[in-house]
Amino acid sequence: MFDMRKLYFLLLLSTVATNAQSFLWLQSPDVNLALNPDLVGYCVAVDQSDNVYAAGFKDNAYPYNDIFGDVFFNKYDTAGQPLFSKTFTGRLNVYAMEADNAGNVYMDIGYISNATIGTLVLSTVNQGIQPLLVKFDADGNVLWHYTPSIGGSTETRFRTFTVDSSGQVYLGMDNFMNSYIVKMSADGVPLMTIAQTKTHLLNSIDTDIDGNIYAAGSCADPNSTFAGVTVSTDFSYNDWVVKYSPAGVYQWMQYVEDITCSLPQVRATTPDNVYFTSDLYGSYAFGSLTAEGPAQGLFNDFFLAKLNAAGQFEWLKEVVGVGAVDHGGRTYLTTDSQDNVCFVGKTRGTVDWGNGVTTTAQGFVGDVIALKFDSGGNLLMAKTAGGTADDRIDSAVFNNSNEIVVSGMGRGSGTFDALTHEGTGSTPYAFVAKISGPLLDVDGHQLATIQISPNPVVGSLNILNLAQSQKAIILDTLGQDVFSGFCQPGQSLDVSALSKGVYLLKLENCKAVKFVKD
């Protein structure tokens, strides 16, 4: 039976509170760009050893609808130290990148006229952007390449792919009218095709732990078909998300109203944890939920919604009130092994995220932002960084330690917690950076597990298996330290003074435990 002595604690909610999730390292690959930096983008991936791969525009800009040119392909170890740096020459653009469980890396590339990618030399007289999927080994050597193609089309738009846990690859392509999902083996052999007619743009693909397939796109016609199933809509412009079984059989889909052809993305961990995001231009319905939409006169809002296994919307996030958020230009949505989801991009003004959490960008330009939510829709992190010019994150990915690796572009000088980039004026710079997990001290595989009760809690939180005195920390949803002290065996924590919400309890040399304060 517990000794009912209480360990009362002081809530440290002042501006000196420390943020437990911080930038651990920052790299800035060499870039020479004198044109609009909004027309380039940067991709990032991680392998099973938490090595980091980054790719994007380097120099020799060729303006098209986006900026093409030479691109870098860099590899860093988990501490951010360079392992290799390669340059691919020609008129290239990198749209997506992902590593498989065997340590290989796949890259979605578009090129115009010519491209030299290591030993792979390509040249064409065909007009427009030529689609290409390239598989590299862990040293950045080309293993094979595949050219996505839609028969009878003068142009194939290829902007998304994913690799499942068994190494099978799923490609998403369209010709601005119909779209297709192609499942391939790890050797690049096509295995299955899912046809989606009159769906126009296919922007994102993912699979869940059971092998179900998800796709997201925009601007579907009123009578579009998904694997032979007609799903009607009255929206002239729309975002859509669809689910198929592992065999490619239609399961469900959802439309959301829009005013243009946006670039939505989808990520899924389990059938009950499906995340869908895009731009938000109005007060639109998400099943029984309704978004507020952007503040009057603004067009910089986003939505992040969670759907369950039946395709029903469970919760919805957006910018409430004033302030602005824009999504990143590449893979701006990612998930971790705990079913958490991270959205990245840039923010302007002051945004109130609720539960006492706000973010404020410097001046009237954008700061980078990374938002992390748990599967219940609770905000776990709102991380901003940058300088007095416009900065953004394009891509994000969780590594196996649930740290977040990001890539993007800033201008001039930028501050990333204790790290800085010293620039000149508003000169663009590319960056690759890593944000720590919620707690930094000991490798999670070496930590003991503690048990707490009750959870949710109103007053006293009991630690059931504490064997000795331990340093205790409680973190709020922003990662701020709201309590730091020592806990003795048989003691309980009086959390009655905490606001309602989600918190992390961390004891020294123990795994963090999430609890809910009612």
Protein backbone atom coordinates (compact mmCIF):
# COMPACT_ATOMS: atom_id res chain seq x y z
CA MET A 1 0.00 0.00 0.00
CA PHE A 2 1.29 3.43 -0.92
CA ASP A 3 2.53 5.91 1.66
CA MET A 4 0.24 8.82 0.88
CA ARG A 5 2.97 11.40 1.42
CA LYS A 6 2.84 13.71 -1.57
CA LEU A 7 5.68 14.99 -3.66
CA TYR A 8 4.46 18.49 -4.48
CA PHE A 9 6.18 20.23 -7.29
CA LEU A 10 6.55 23.64 -8.86
CA LEU A 11 5.22 24.15 -12.37
CA LEU A 12 7.97 25.79 -14.37
CA LEU A 13 5.87 27.49 -17.02
CA SER A 14 8.04 30.57 -17.44
CA THR A 15 9.99 31.58 -20.52
CA VAL A 16 13.12 29.94 -19.12
CA ALA A 17 11.64 26.46 -19.44
CA THR A 18 13.78 24.25 -21.65
CA ASN A 19 12.54 22.51 -24.76
CA ALA A 20 13.31 18.81 -24.52
CA GLN A 21 13.24 18.29 -28.29
CA SER A 22 16.12 20.21 -29.79
CA PHE A 23 18.15 20.36 -32.99
CA LEU A 24 21.09 18.01 -32.49
CA TRP A 25 23.07 18.80 -35.61
CA LEU A 26 22.86 20.94 -38.73
CA GLN A 27 24.54 20.52 -42.11
CA SER A 28 24.40 22.92 -45.05
CA PRO A 29 25.29 21.32 -48.41
CA ASP A 30 26.89 23.61 -50.99
CA VAL A 31 24.24 25.29 -53.14
CA ASN A 32 24.54 28.04 -55.75
CA LEU A 33 21.10 29.50 -56.49
CA ALA A 34 20.38 33.00 -57.76
CA LEU A 35 16.77 32.31 -58.79
CA ASN A 36 13.57 31.91 -56.76
CA PRO A 37 14.31 29.41 -53.94
CA ASP A 38 10.63 28.48 -53.77
CA LEU A 39 11.16 26.57 -57.04
CA VAL A 40 13.59 24.01 -55.61
CA GLY A 41 13.08 21.33 -52.98
CA TYR A 42 15.11 18.99 -50.78
CA CYS A 43 14.50 15.35 -49.87
CA VAL A 44 15.71 13.30 -46.91
CA ALA A 45 15.72 9.59 -45.98
CA VAL A 46 17.14 7.39 -43.22
CA ASP A 47 18.26 3.75 -43.23
CA GLN A 48 18.04 1.03 -40.56
CA SER A 49 21.30 2.24 -38.99
CA ASP A 50 19.94 5.81 -38.76
CA ASN A 51 22.31 7.04 -41.45
CA VAL A 52 20.88 10.05 -43.26
CA TYR A 53 20.58 10.63 -47.02
CA ALA A 54 19.80 14.04 -48.50
CA ALA A 55 19.31 15.15 -52.10
CA GLY A 56 18.28 18.27 -53.97
CA PHE A 57 19.29 21.14 -56.22
CA LYS A 58 22.97 22.12 -56.17
CA ASP A 59 23.82 24.47 -59.07
CA ASN A 60 23.58 25.20 -62.84
CA ALA A 61 19.93 26.23 -62.61
CA TYR A 62 17.64 25.55 -65.56
CA PRO A 63 14.24 27.27 -65.12
CA TYR A 64 11.24 25.23 -66.22
CA ASN A 65 7.99 25.00 -64.23
CA ASP A 66 10.39 24.28 -61.34
CA ILE A 67 14.14 24.80 -61.30
CA PHE A 68 16.17 21.88 -62.63
CA GLY A 69 19.95 21.48 -62.64
CA ASP A 70 22.76 19.53 -61.02
CA VAL A 71 21.74 17.85 -57.74
CA PHE A 72 23.71 16.64 -54.73
CA PHE A 73 23.29 13.23 -53.11
CA ASN A 74 24.87 13.20 -49.64
CA LYS A 75 25.09 10.62 -46.86
CA TYR A 76 25.70 11.40 -43.18
CA ASP A 77 26.09 9.15 -40.17
CA THR A 78 23.71 9.39 -37.22
CA ALA A 79 25.85 12.15 -35.67
CA GLY A 80 25.67 14.23 -38.85
CA GLN A 81 29.21 13.51 -40.05
CA PRO A 82 29.55 13.26 -43.87
CA LEU A 83 30.05 9.77 -45.30
CA PHE A 84 29.86 10.62 -49.01
CA SER A 85 28.87 13.46 -51.30
CA LYS A 86 27.98 12.88 -54.94
CA THR A 87 26.85 15.21 -57.71
CA PHE A 88 24.47 14.18 -60.50
CA THR A 89 24.71 16.46 -63.52
CA GLY A 90 22.25 17.59 -66.16
CA ARG A 91 18.77 19.03 -65.81
CA LEU A 92 17.42 17.09 -62.85
CA ASN A 93 14.92 17.44 -60.02
CA VAL A 94 14.51 15.08 -57.04
CA TYR A 95 10.88 14.64 -55.92
CA ALA A 96 11.06 11.89 -53.30
CA MET A 97 13.56 9.56 -51.63
CA GLU A 98 13.24 6.55 -49.32
CA ALA A 99 15.48 3.81 -47.90
CA ASP A 100 14.48 0.15 -47.57
CA ASN A 101 15.22 -2.27 -44.73
CA ALA A 102 18.22 -3.68 -46.61
CA GLY A 103 20.08 -0.36 -46.67
CA ASN A 104 19.29 0.56 -50.27
CA VAL A 105 17.98 3.97 -51.31
CA TYR A 106 15.34 4.77 -53.94
CA MET A 107 15.04 8.15 -55.63
CA ASP A 108 12.17 9.65 -57.66
CA ILE A 109 13.81 11.87 -60.27
CA GLY A 110 12.55 14.01 -63.12
CA TYR A 111 14.94 15.15 -65.82
CA ILE A 112 14.82 17.25 -68.97
CA SER A 113 16.90 16.29 -72.03
CA ASN A 114 19.85 14.70 -70.20
CA ALA A 115 21.06 13.34 -66.88
CA THR A 116 24.22 11.68 -65.60
CA ILE A 117 23.60 9.76 -62.37
CA GLY A 118 26.79 7.95 -61.43
CA THR A 119 27.29 5.32 -64.12
CA LEU A 120 23.81 5.91 -65.53
CA VAL A 121 23.84 8.28 -68.52
CA LEU A 122 20.50 9.29 -70.06
CA SER A 123 19.63 11.47 -73.03
CA THR A 124 16.35 12.03 -74.86
CA VAL A 125 14.79 14.20 -77.55
CA ASN A 126 11.37 13.85 -75.94
CA GLN A 127 9.83 17.04 -74.64
CA GLY A 128 8.91 17.68 -71.03
CA ILE A 129 9.93 16.10 -67.75
CA GLN A 130 11.09 12.49 -68.04
CA PRO A 131 10.17 10.31 -65.02
CA LEU A 132 12.74 8.00 -63.44
CA LEU A 133 13.05 5.71 -60.41
CA VAL A 134 16.63 4.86 -59.44
CA LYS A 135 17.74 2.31 -56.83
CA PHE A 136 21.11 2.85 -55.14
CA ASP A 137 23.11 0.68 -52.77
CA ALA A 138 24.28 2.02 -49.39
CA ASP A 139 27.37 3.56 -51.00
CA GLY A 140 25.32 5.52 -53.51
CA ASN A 141 26.03 3.27 -56.51
CA VAL A 142 23.27 2.73 -59.05
CA LEU A 143 21.77 -0.78 -58.89
CA TRP A 144 18.98 -0.36 -61.44
CA HIS A 145 16.58 2.18 -62.86
CA TYR A 146 12.99 2.07 -64.06
CA THR A 147 11.09 4.44 -66.33
CA PRO A 148 7.44 4.86 -65.29
CA SER A 149 5.20 5.13 -68.32
CA ILE A 150 1.48 5.39 -69.04
CA GLY A 151 0.70 3.92 -72.43
CA GLY A 152 -0.58 6.38 -75.02
CA SER A 153 0.40 9.42 -72.95
CA THR A 154 2.82 12.09 -74.09
CA GLU A 155 3.80 12.79 -70.47
CA THR A 156 3.85 10.68 -67.32
CA ARG A 157 3.86 12.60 -64.06
CA PHE A 158 5.69 10.64 -61.32
CA ARG A 159 5.83 12.32 -57.90
CA THR A 160 5.40 9.60 -55.28
CA PHE A 161 6.46 6.11 -54.25
CA THR A 162 6.91 4.07 -51.10
CA VAL A 163 8.74 0.91 -50.03
CA ASP A 164 7.05 -1.56 -47.67
CA SER A 165 8.71 -3.61 -44.92
CA SER A 166 9.32 -6.54 -47.29
CA GLY A 167 11.10 -4.37 -49.86
CA GLN A 168 8.29 -4.15 -52.41
CA VAL A 169 7.95 -0.78 -54.13
CA TYR A 170 4.73 1.11 -54.92
CA LEU A 171 4.81 3.82 -57.59
CA GLY A 172 2.16 6.49 -58.13
CA MET A 173 1.87 8.14 -61.53
CA ASP A 174 -0.65 10.11 -63.59
CA ASN A 175 -1.03 11.80 -66.95
CA PHE A 176 -3.16 14.69 -65.62
CA MET A 177 -6.28 12.66 -66.40
CA ASN A 178 -5.98 9.09 -65.11
CA SER A 179 -3.66 7.78 -62.41
CA TYR A 180 -2.09 4.42 -61.63
CA ILE A 181 -0.48 2.63 -58.72
CA VAL A 182 2.15 0.09 -59.77
CA LYS A 183 3.45 -2.48 -57.29
CA MET A 184 6.97 -3.74 -58.05
CA SER A 185 9.40 -6.26 -56.63
CA ALA A 186 12.68 -5.17 -55.05
CA ASP A 187 14.29 -6.00 -58.41
CA GLY A 188 12.05 -3.56 -60.29
CA VAL A 189 9.65 -6.10 -61.79
CA PRO A 190 6.01 -4.87 -62.02
CA LEU A 191 3.63 -7.15 -60.08
CA MET A 192 0.27 -5.35 -59.97
CA THR A 193 -1.42 -2.21 -61.30
CA ILE A 194 -4.38 -0.33 -59.81
CA ALA A 195 -6.16 1.99 -62.25
CA GLN A 196 -7.85 5.20 -61.11
CA THR A 197 -9.73 6.89 -63.95
CA LYS A 198 -10.50 10.61 -64.15
CA THR A 199 -8.65 11.21 -60.88
CA HIS A 200 -6.22 13.68 -62.50
CA LEU A 201 -3.41 14.10 -59.92
CA LEU A 202 -1.87 11.38 -57.72
CA ASN A 203 0.47 12.93 -55.17
CA SER A 204 1.09 10.45 -52.34
CA ILE A 205 1.21 6.71 -51.61
CA ASP A 206 1.75 4.68 -48.46
CA THR A 207 1.15 1.21 -47.00
CA ASP A 208 0.27 0.17 -43.45
CA ILE A 209 1.58 -2.67 -41.30
CA ASP A 210 -0.98 -5.08 -42.82
CA GLY A 211 -0.05 -4.24 -46.41
CA ASN A 212 -3.10 -2.12 -47.20
CA ILE A 213 -2.41 0.54 -49.82
CA TYR A 214 -3.34 4.23 -49.53
CA ALA A 215 -3.22 7.01 -52.10
CA ALA A 216 -4.00 10.72 -52.05
CA GLY A 217 -4.52 13.17 -54.87
CA SER A 218 -6.64 16.03 -56.11
CA CYS A 219 -9.02 17.35 -58.77
CA ALA A 220 -10.96 14.15 -59.42
CA ASP A 221 -13.90 14.35 -61.83
CA PRO A 222 -17.50 13.90 -60.57
CA ASN A 223 -17.58 10.22 -61.63
CA SER A 224 -14.03 9.02 -61.01
CA THR A 225 -13.33 5.33 -60.57
CA PHE A 226 -10.96 3.67 -58.11
CA ALA A 227 -10.03 0.09 -59.05
CA GLY A 228 -13.25 -0.10 -61.03
CA VAL A 229 -15.50 1.40 -58.34
CA THR A 230 -17.21 4.69 -59.20
CA VAL A 231 -17.14 7.22 -56.37
CA SER A 232 -19.05 10.40 -57.18
CA THR A 233 -18.50 13.91 -55.85
CA ASP A 234 -20.21 17.27 -56.23
CA PHE A 235 -17.02 19.22 -55.56
CA SER A 236 -15.59 20.92 -58.65
CA TYR A 237 -12.21 20.95 -56.91
CA ASN A 238 -11.32 18.36 -54.31
CA ASP A 239 -8.68 16.45 -52.41
CA TRP A 240 -9.17 12.70 -52.15
CA VAL A 241 -7.79 9.79 -50.14
CA VAL A 242 -8.44 6.13 -50.94
CA LYS A 243 -7.68 2.75 -49.38
CA TYR A 244 -7.12 -0.60 -51.14
CA SER A 245 -6.51 -4.07 -49.76
CA PRO A 246 -3.05 -5.64 -50.28
CA ALA A 247 -4.52 -7.28 -53.40
CA GLY A 248 -5.60 -3.90 -54.79
CA VAL A 249 -9.32 -4.21 -53.99
CA TYR A 250 -11.15 -0.95 -53.26
CA GLN A 251 -12.04 -0.44 -49.56
CA TRP A 252 -13.10 3.18 -49.03
CA MET A 253 -12.36 6.76 -50.04
CA GLN A 254 -13.08 10.31 -48.91
CA TYR A 255 -13.38 13.61 -50.76
CA VAL A 256 -12.64 17.00 -49.18
CA GLU A 257 -13.62 20.27 -50.84
CA ASP A 258 -10.92 22.51 -52.32
CA ILE A 259 -10.61 25.55 -54.60
CA THR A 260 -7.64 24.36 -56.65
CA CYS A 261 -5.57 21.27 -57.42
CA SER A 262 -3.58 20.91 -54.19
CA LEU A 263 -0.86 18.42 -53.28
CA PRO A 264 -2.28 16.27 -50.44
CA GLN A 265 -0.32 13.53 -48.69
CA VAL A 266 -1.28 10.38 -46.78
CA ARG A 267 0.61 8.28 -44.22
CA ALA A 268 -0.60 5.14 -42.45
CA THR A 269 0.91 3.01 -39.69
CA THR A 270 -1.99 0.65 -38.93
CA PRO A 271 -5.47 0.37 -40.47
CA ASP A 272 -6.78 2.51 -37.59
CA ASN A 273 -4.10 5.20 -37.91
CA VAL A 274 -4.38 6.89 -41.31
CA TYR A 275 -3.24 10.53 -41.58
CA PHE A 276 -4.35 12.83 -44.41
CA THR A 277 -3.18 16.41 -45.00
CA SER A 278 -3.30 19.21 -47.55
CA ASP A 279 -3.94 22.93 -47.96
CA LEU A 280 -7.10 24.34 -46.39
CA TYR A 281 -8.89 27.19 -48.15
CA GLY A 282 -12.29 27.29 -46.44
CA SER A 283 -14.63 26.03 -43.76
CA TYR A 284 -14.96 22.52 -45.17
CA ALA A 285 -16.57 19.36 -43.82
CA PHE A 286 -14.59 16.28 -42.82
CA GLY A 287 -17.39 13.83 -42.16
CA SER A 288 -19.04 15.08 -38.97
CA LEU A 289 -16.14 17.51 -38.33
CA THR A 290 -15.92 21.01 -39.79
CA ALA A 291 -12.78 23.08 -40.25
CA GLU A 292 -12.73 26.77 -39.38
CA GLY A 293 -10.60 27.55 -42.41
CA PRO A 294 -8.03 30.34 -42.82
CA ALA A 295 -8.49 33.72 -41.19
CA GLN A 296 -10.18 36.33 -43.37
CA GLY A 297 -7.90 37.55 -46.13
CA LEU A 298 -5.37 34.74 -45.63
CA PHE A 299 -4.80 31.63 -47.76
CA ASN A 300 -2.11 29.92 -45.71
CA ASP A 301 -3.73 27.19 -43.70
CA PHE A 302 -3.50 23.41 -43.65
CA PHE A 303 -5.50 20.50 -42.37
CA LEU A 304 -4.28 17.31 -40.76
CA ALA A 305 -6.93 14.66 -40.20
CA LYS A 306 -6.91 11.14 -38.88
CA LEU A 307 -9.10 8.40 -40.34
CA ASN A 308 -9.86 4.98 -38.87
CA ALA A 309 -10.02 1.56 -40.52
CA ALA A 310 -13.52 2.29 -41.85
CA GLY A 311 -12.44 5.57 -43.46
CA GLN A 312 -14.19 7.77 -40.90
CA PHE A 313 -12.60 11.04 -39.79
CA GLU A 314 -11.72 10.91 -36.08
CA TRP A 315 -10.01 14.24 -35.50
CA LEU A 316 -8.96 17.36 -37.37
CA LYS A 317 -6.16 19.88 -36.85
CA GLU A 318 -5.63 23.28 -38.48
CA VAL A 319 -4.49 26.82 -37.71
CA VAL A 320 -7.22 28.18 -35.45
CA GLY A 321 -7.62 31.96 -35.66
CA VAL A 322 -4.81 34.09 -37.03
CA GLY A 323 -1.37 32.98 -38.12
CA ALA A 324 -0.35 30.94 -41.12
CA VAL A 325 1.17 27.55 -41.93
CA ASP A 326 2.23 26.21 -45.35
CA HIS A 327 3.27 22.62 -45.96
CA GLY A 328 6.70 21.63 -47.23
CA GLY A 329 7.53 21.06 -50.87
CA ARG A 330 8.47 17.38 -50.76
CA THR A 331 7.55 14.63 -48.23
CA TYR A 332 6.02 16.89 -45.59
CA LEU A 333 4.15 14.22 -43.62
CA THR A 334 5.79 11.29 -41.81
CA THR A 335 5.00 8.81 -39.02
CA ASP A 336 7.01 6.99 -36.36
CA SER A 337 6.90 3.56 -34.73
CA GLN A 338 4.61 4.85 -31.96
CA ASP A 339 1.89 5.94 -34.44
CA ASN A 340 2.82 9.61 -33.96
CA VAL A 341 2.67 11.89 -36.99
CA CYS A 342 4.86 14.86 -37.96
CA PHE A 343 3.89 17.68 -40.34
CA VAL A 344 6.54 20.12 -41.59
CA GLY A 345 6.64 23.35 -43.57
CA LYS A 346 6.80 27.01 -42.59
CA THR A 347 4.78 29.34 -40.37
CA ARG A 348 4.14 33.07 -40.14
CA GLY A 349 2.74 35.24 -37.39
CA THR A 350 1.61 33.83 -34.05
CA VAL A 351 -0.36 30.58 -33.95
CA ASP A 352 -2.21 29.38 -30.85
CA TRP A 353 -2.12 25.57 -30.84
CA GLY A 354 -4.18 25.27 -27.68
CA ASN A 355 -3.32 24.07 -24.17
CA GLY A 356 -1.11 27.13 -23.69
CA VAL A 357 1.16 26.35 -26.67
CA THR A 358 1.92 29.13 -29.18
CA THR A 359 4.51 29.63 -31.89
CA THR A 360 5.67 33.00 -33.22
CA ALA A 361 7.70 33.54 -36.38
CA GLN A 362 10.28 36.30 -36.66
CA GLY A 363 9.06 39.37 -38.56
CA PHE A 364 6.67 39.02 -41.49
CA VAL A 365 8.42 36.08 -43.16
CA GLY A 366 8.27 32.34 -42.64
CA ASP A 367 10.08 30.29 -40.03
CA VAL A 368 10.49 26.53 -40.32
CA ILE A 369 7.96 24.52 -38.33
CA ALA A 370 7.65 20.88 -37.31
CA LEU A 371 4.43 19.74 -35.61
CA LYS A 372 4.16 16.35 -33.94
CA PHE A 373 0.87 14.81 -32.80
CA ASP A 374 0.08 11.48 -31.18
CA SER A 375 -2.59 9.15 -32.56
CA GLY A 376 -5.19 10.81 -30.32
CA GLY A 377 -4.55 14.21 -31.87
CA ASN A 378 -2.63 15.59 -28.89
CA LEU A 379 0.16 18.01 -29.76
CA LEU A 380 3.53 16.61 -28.67
CA MET A 381 5.84 19.16 -30.28
CA ALA A 382 5.71 22.53 -32.03
CA LYS A 383 9.27 23.29 -33.09
CA THR A 384 10.24 26.47 -34.96
CA ALA A 385 13.59 27.78 -36.17
CA GLY A 386 15.10 30.10 -38.77
CA GLY A 387 16.06 33.73 -39.16
CA THR A 388 14.72 37.07 -40.35
CA ALA A 389 14.31 35.90 -43.96
CA ASP A 390 12.02 33.17 -45.35
CA ASP A 391 12.83 29.63 -44.16
CA ARG A 392 11.06 26.30 -44.62
CA ILE A 393 11.28 22.53 -44.16
CA ASP A 394 10.58 20.51 -47.32
CA SER A 395 10.87 16.93 -46.05
CA ALA A 396 10.89 14.99 -42.80
CA VAL A 397 11.39 11.40 -41.72
CA PHE A 398 11.58 9.62 -38.37
CA ASN A 399 14.58 7.39 -37.73
CA ASN A 400 14.53 4.20 -35.64
CA SER A 401 15.14 6.23 -32.47
CA ASN A 402 12.06 8.34 -33.26
CA GLU A 403 14.25 11.37 -33.86
CA ILE A 404 13.13 13.60 -36.74
CA VAL A 405 15.46 14.29 -39.66
CA VAL A 406 14.50 17.25 -41.85
CA SER A 407 15.71 19.00 -44.98
CA GLY A 408 14.80 22.35 -46.43
CA MET A 409 15.97 25.81 -47.40
CA GLY A 410 16.63 29.03 -45.54
CA ARG A 411 17.89 32.47 -46.49
CA GLY A 412 20.65 34.49 -44.92
CA SER A 413 21.45 33.42 -41.37
CA GLY A 414 19.39 31.03 -39.27
CA THR A 415 19.20 29.84 -35.67
CA PHE A 416 18.27 26.24 -34.88
CA ASP A 417 18.26 26.19 -31.07
CA ALA A 418 21.96 26.27 -30.10
CA LEU A 419 23.06 25.75 -33.72
CA THR A 420 23.46 28.54 -36.26
CA HIS A 421 24.01 29.00 -39.96
CA GLU A 422 25.93 32.16 -40.77
CA GLY A 423 24.80 33.48 -44.14
CA THR A 424 24.92 36.68 -46.15
CA GLY A 425 21.91 38.91 -46.73
CA SER A 426 19.08 36.77 -48.07
CA THR A 427 21.28 34.27 -49.92
CA PRO A 428 19.53 30.86 -50.03
CA TYR A 429 21.08 27.90 -48.24
CA ALA A 430 20.04 24.25 -48.09
CA PHE A 431 20.04 22.47 -44.75
CA VAL A 432 19.81 18.97 -43.32
CA ALA A 433 19.18 18.69 -39.58
CA LYS A 434 18.16 16.27 -36.86
CA ILE A 435 15.69 16.98 -34.05
CA SER A 436 16.03 14.89 -30.91
CA GLY A 437 13.40 12.52 -29.65
CA PRO A 438 11.36 13.52 -26.58
CA LEU A 439 14.17 12.57 -24.16
CA LEU A 440 17.87 12.69 -24.77
CA ASP A 441 19.81 10.94 -22.06
CA VAL A 442 20.03 7.14 -22.53
CA ASP A 443 19.41 4.76 -25.43
CA GLY A 444 15.82 3.58 -25.06
CA HIS A 445 16.86 -0.08 -25.45
CA GLN A 446 18.83 0.17 -22.17
CA LEU A 447 16.04 1.77 -20.13
CA ALA A 448 13.81 0.14 -17.54
CA THR A 449 10.02 0.29 -17.85
CA ILE A 450 7.97 1.95 -15.12
CA GLN A 451 4.28 1.43 -14.41
CA ILE A 452 1.90 4.19 -13.34
CA SER A 453 -1.67 4.31 -12.06
CA PRO A 454 -4.26 5.66 -12.56
CA ASN A 455 -4.08 6.84 -16.15
CA PRO A 456 -5.91 9.14 -16.90
CA VAL A 457 -5.27 10.82 -13.56
CA VAL A 458 -6.99 13.65 -11.69
CA GLY A 459 -4.99 14.02 -8.49
CA SER A 460 -2.31 11.55 -7.41
CA LEU A 461 -0.16 9.61 -9.87
CA ASN A 462 1.30 6.42 -8.41
CA ILE A 463 4.58 4.87 -9.60
CA LEU A 464 4.08 1.17 -8.99
CA ASN A 465 7.53 -0.36 -9.40
CA LEU A 466 10.01 2.28 -8.29
CA ALA A 467 12.86 0.50 -6.48
CA GLN A 468 15.05 3.46 -5.56
CA SER A 469 15.15 7.23 -5.51
CA GLN A 470 15.08 8.60 -9.06
CA LYS A 471 15.28 11.99 -10.68
CA ALA A 472 11.88 12.77 -12.19
CA ILE A 473 10.92 15.10 -15.04
CA ILE A 474 7.44 15.90 -16.35
CA LEU A 475 7.15 17.37 -19.85
CA ASP A 476 4.17 19.12 -21.42
CA THR A 477 3.01 18.77 -25.04
CA LEU A 478 5.50 21.34 -26.26
CA GLY A 479 8.33 19.34 -24.74
CA GLN A 480 8.80 21.87 -21.96
CA ASP A 481 10.01 20.76 -18.55
CA VAL A 482 7.19 21.55 -16.08
CA PHE A 483 8.69 19.63 -13.16
CA SER A 484 12.16 18.51 -12.16
CA GLY A 485 12.92 16.84 -8.83
CA PHE A 486 13.36 13.50 -7.07
CA CYS A 487 10.82 10.76 -6.41
CA GLN A 488 11.15 8.18 -3.63
CA PRO A 489 9.76 4.61 -3.54
CA GLY A 490 6.23 4.60 -2.16
CA GLN A 491 5.59 8.24 -3.01
CA SER A 492 2.91 9.53 -5.34
CA LEU A 493 2.94 12.69 -7.43
CA ASP A 494 0.22 15.27 -6.89
CA VAL A 495 -0.62 16.40 -10.43
CA SER A 496 -3.87 18.15 -9.54
CA ALA A 497 -2.40 21.56 -10.42
CA LEU A 498 -1.66 20.54 -14.01
CA SER A 499 -3.93 21.68 -16.81
CA LYS A 500 -5.87 19.00 -18.61
CA GLY A 501 -3.81 17.42 -21.37
CA VAL A 502 -1.10 14.91 -22.23
CA TYR A 503 2.23 14.75 -20.39
CA LEU A 504 5.37 12.61 -20.31
CA LEU A 505 6.82 11.33 -17.03
CA LYS A 506 10.54 10.54 -17.27
CA LEU A 507 12.54 8.93 -14.49
CA GLU A 508 16.31 8.66 -14.74
CA ASN A 509 17.38 5.46 -16.56
CA CYS A 510 13.73 4.60 -17.27
CA LYS A 511 11.61 4.81 -20.39
CA ALA A 512 9.26 7.78 -20.59
CA VAL A 513 5.60 7.09 -19.84
CA LYS A 514 2.75 9.10 -21.30
CA PHE A 515 -0.15 10.03 -19.03
CA VAL A 516 -3.34 12.03 -19.44
CA LYS A 517 -4.39 14.64 -16.88
CA ASP A 518 -8.19 14.92 -16.62
